């Protein structure tokens, strides 16, 4: 997105969460909160929701995406690394994530 000139870096940075936007744009995926812990917490929440008969499709989708990232080598990165599912192969390689780990029909479902 940035490389293609669709939006200025400053505009994108303003639209991202206050602390994580600059880190994403700098390629800094060091954990503040680990992907693997976020997946664990989402699994617990989904199990509890199931026990209560609640359907939480948004949470289920987020868990699938983060699990896909974790399975591709991103378990020890920060939650902002979700961006790697939507960026280019080179960025994934720099973050030691399998370049084939990106949003696909299989990863998003």
C-alpha atoms as a PDB file:
ATOM      1  CA  UNK A   1       0.000   0.000   0.000  1.00  0.00           C
ATOM      2  CA  UNK A   2       2.704   2.506   0.989  1.00  0.00           C
ATOM      3  CA  UNK A   3       5.050   1.441  -1.782  1.00  0.00           C
ATOM      4  CA  UNK A   4       2.404   1.958  -4.443  1.00  0.00           C
ATOM      5  CA  UNK A   5       1.748   5.543  -3.384  1.00  0.00           C
ATOM      6  CA  UNK A   6      -1.957   5.071  -2.673  1.00  0.00           C
ATOM      7  CA  UNK A   7      -1.567   6.954   0.602  1.00  0.00           C
ATOM      8  CA  UNK A   8       1.187   8.838   2.303  1.00  0.00           C
ATOM      9  CA  UNK A   9       3.017   7.108   5.148  1.00  0.00           C
ATOM     10  CA  UNK A  10       1.874   9.854   7.510  1.00  0.00           C
ATOM     11  CA  UNK A  11      -1.784   9.294   6.652  1.00  0.00           C
ATOM     12  CA  UNK A  12      -1.480   5.544   7.157  1.00  0.00           C
ATOM     13  CA  UNK A  13       0.368   6.050  10.427  1.00  0.00           C
ATOM     14  CA  UNK A  14      -2.422   8.324  11.708  1.00  0.00           C
ATOM     15  CA  UNK A  15      -5.022   5.661  10.913  1.00  0.00           C
ATOM     16  CA  UNK A  16      -3.239   2.842  12.788  1.00  0.00           C
ATOM     17  CA  UNK A  17      -3.421   2.303  16.548  1.00  0.00           C
ATOM     18  CA  UNK A  18      -1.376   4.947  18.325  1.00  0.00           C
ATOM     19  CA  UNK A  19       1.498   2.787  19.558  1.00  0.00           C
ATOM     20  CA  UNK A  20       1.491   0.030  16.968  1.00  0.00           C
ATOM     21  CA  UNK A  21       1.256   2.052  13.750  1.00  0.00           C
ATOM     22  CA  UNK A  22       4.789   3.435  13.900  1.00  0.00           C
ATOM     23  CA  UNK A  23       6.145   0.011  14.870  1.00  0.00           C
ATOM     24  CA  UNK A  24       4.426  -1.670  11.923  1.00  0.00           C
ATOM     25  CA  UNK A  25       5.705   0.932   9.475  1.00  0.00           C
ATOM     26  CA  UNK A  26       9.236   0.550  10.878  1.00  0.00           C
ATOM     27  CA  UNK A  27       9.053  -3.245  10.516  1.00  0.00           C
ATOM     28  CA  UNK A  28       9.308  -3.655  14.299  1.00  0.00           C
ATOM     29  CA  UNK A  29       7.354  -6.760  15.261  1.00  0.00           C
ATOM     30  CA  UNK A  30       8.981  -7.250  18.678  1.00  0.00           C
ATOM     31  CA  UNK A  31       6.340  -8.375  21.136  1.00  0.00           C
ATOM     32  CA  UNK A  32       4.541  -6.132  23.531  1.00  0.00           C
ATOM     33  CA  UNK A  33       2.040  -8.973  23.689  1.00  0.00           C
ATOM     34  CA  UNK A  34       2.920 -12.248  21.983  1.00  0.00           C
ATOM     35  CA  UNK A  35       0.802 -13.676  19.178  1.00  0.00           C
ATOM     36  CA  UNK A  36       0.936 -17.097  20.889  1.00  0.00           C
ATOM     37  CA  UNK A  37      -0.549 -15.673  24.099  1.00  0.00           C
ATOM     38  CA  UNK A  38      -3.226 -13.777  22.186  1.00  0.00           C
ATOM     39  CA  UNK A  39      -4.246 -16.991  20.400  1.00  0.00           C
ATOM     40  CA  UNK A  40      -4.404 -18.815  23.755  1.00  0.00           C
ATOM     41  CA  UNK A  41      -6.621 -16.082  25.225  1.00  0.00           C
ATOM     42  CA  UNK A  42      -8.911 -16.065  22.193  1.00  0.00           C
ATOM     43  CA  UNK A  43      -9.224 -19.863  22.413  1.00  0.00           C
ATOM     44  CA  UNK A  44     -10.290 -19.580  26.058  1.00  0.00           C
ATOM     45  CA  UNK A  45     -12.812 -16.855  25.213  1.00  0.00           C
ATOM     46  CA  UNK A  46     -14.257 -18.897  22.339  1.00  0.00           C
ATOM     47  CA  UNK A  47     -14.536 -22.013  24.532  1.00  0.00           C
ATOM     48  CA  UNK A  48     -16.391 -20.014  27.176  1.00  0.00           C
ATOM     49  CA  UNK A  49     -18.647 -18.444  24.563  1.00  0.00           C
ATOM     50  CA  UNK A  50     -19.447 -21.893  23.202  1.00  0.00           C
ATOM     51  CA  UNK A  51     -20.371 -23.107  26.689  1.00  0.00           C
ATOM     52  CA  UNK A  52     -22.719 -20.118  26.983  1.00  0.00           C
ATOM     53  CA  UNK A  53     -24.216 -20.698  23.554  1.00  0.00           C
ATOM     54  CA  UNK A  54     -22.765 -17.469  22.157  1.00  0.00           C
ATOM     55  CA  UNK A  55     -21.640 -17.138  18.560  1.00  0.00           C
ATOM     56  CA  UNK A  56     -18.714 -14.734  18.217  1.00  0.00           C
ATOM     57  CA  UNK A  57     -17.823 -14.786  14.509  1.00  0.00           C
ATOM     58  CA  UNK A  58     -15.562 -11.731  14.687  1.00  0.00           C
ATOM     59  CA  UNK A  59     -13.470 -13.260  17.447  1.00  0.00           C
ATOM     60  CA  UNK A  60     -13.395 -16.602  15.639  1.00  0.00           C
ATOM     61  CA  UNK A  61     -12.125 -14.879  12.490  1.00  0.00           C
ATOM     62  CA  UNK A  62      -9.444 -12.970  14.423  1.00  0.00           C
ATOM     63  CA  UNK A  63      -8.325 -16.182  16.124  1.00  0.00           C
ATOM     64  CA  UNK A  64      -8.036 -17.966  12.763  1.00  0.00           C
ATOM     65  CA  UNK A  65      -5.918 -15.152  11.324  1.00  0.00           C
ATOM     66  CA  UNK A  66      -3.611 -14.994  14.340  1.00  0.00           C
ATOM     67  CA  UNK A  67      -3.357 -18.797  14.422  1.00  0.00           C
ATOM     68  CA  UNK A  68      -2.402 -18.728  10.743  1.00  0.00           C
ATOM     69  CA  UNK A  69       0.330 -16.196  11.553  1.00  0.00           C
ATOM     70  CA  UNK A  70       1.536 -18.303  14.497  1.00  0.00           C
ATOM     71  CA  UNK A  71       1.614 -21.458  12.374  1.00  0.00           C
ATOM     72  CA  UNK A  72       3.737 -19.637   9.796  1.00  0.00           C
ATOM     73  CA  UNK A  73       6.415 -18.749  12.313  1.00  0.00           C
ATOM     74  CA  UNK A  74       4.982 -15.630  13.954  1.00  0.00           C
ATOM     75  CA  UNK A  75       4.037 -17.062  17.368  1.00  0.00           C
ATOM     76  CA  UNK A  76       6.792 -15.144  19.155  1.00  0.00           C
ATOM     77  CA  UNK A  77       6.105 -11.821  17.459  1.00  0.00           C
ATOM     78  CA  UNK A  78       3.926  -9.016  18.761  1.00  0.00           C
ATOM     79  CA  UNK A  79       0.256  -8.793  17.858  1.00  0.00           C
ATOM     80  CA  UNK A  80       1.031  -5.987  15.382  1.00  0.00           C
ATOM     81  CA  UNK A  81       2.651  -8.682  13.220  1.00  0.00           C
ATOM     82  CA  UNK A  82      -0.826  -9.483  11.879  1.00  0.00           C
ATOM     83  CA  UNK A  83       0.141  -6.887   9.273  1.00  0.00           C
ATOM     84  CA  UNK A  84       2.502  -9.493   7.807  1.00  0.00           C
ATOM     85  CA  UNK A  85      -0.489 -11.438   6.474  1.00  0.00           C
ATOM     86  CA  UNK A  86      -1.286  -8.474   4.236  1.00  0.00           C
ATOM     87  CA  UNK A  87       2.138  -7.328   3.083  1.00  0.00           C
ATOM     88  CA  UNK A  88       4.757  -8.635   0.676  1.00  0.00           C
ATOM     89  CA  UNK A  89       6.884 -11.772   0.906  1.00  0.00           C
ATOM     90  CA  UNK A  90      10.077  -9.805   1.586  1.00  0.00           C
ATOM     91  CA  UNK A  91       8.595  -8.246   4.742  1.00  0.00           C
ATOM     92  CA  UNK A  92       7.584 -11.706   5.989  1.00  0.00           C
ATOM     93  CA  UNK A  93      11.068 -13.037   5.303  1.00  0.00           C
ATOM     94  CA  UNK A  94      12.675 -10.146   7.233  1.00  0.00           C
ATOM     95  CA  UNK A  95      10.445 -11.018  10.210  1.00  0.00           C
ATOM     96  CA  UNK A  96      11.376 -14.736   9.950  1.00  0.00           C
ATOM     97  CA  UNK A  97       7.821 -15.653   8.975  1.00  0.00           C
ATOM     98  CA  UNK A  98       7.235 -18.146   6.177  1.00  0.00           C
ATOM     99  CA  UNK A  99       6.743 -16.013   3.037  1.00  0.00           C
ATOM    100  CA  UNK A 100       3.797 -18.223   2.088  1.00  0.00           C
ATOM    101  CA  UNK A 101       1.985 -17.074   5.251  1.00  0.00           C
ATOM    102  CA  UNK A 102      -0.487 -14.546   3.909  1.00  0.00           C
ATOM    103  CA  UNK A 103      -4.196 -14.079   3.815  1.00  0.00           C
ATOM    104  CA  UNK A 104      -5.768 -16.727   1.649  1.00  0.00           C
ATOM    105  CA  UNK A 105      -9.083 -18.460   1.610  1.00  0.00           C
ATOM    106  CA  UNK A 106      -7.552 -21.207   3.753  1.00  0.00           C
ATOM    107  CA  UNK A 107      -5.941 -18.816   6.227  1.00  0.00           C
ATOM    108  CA  UNK A 108      -8.955 -16.569   6.644  1.00  0.00           C
ATOM    109  CA  UNK A 109     -11.545 -19.275   7.170  1.00  0.00           C
END
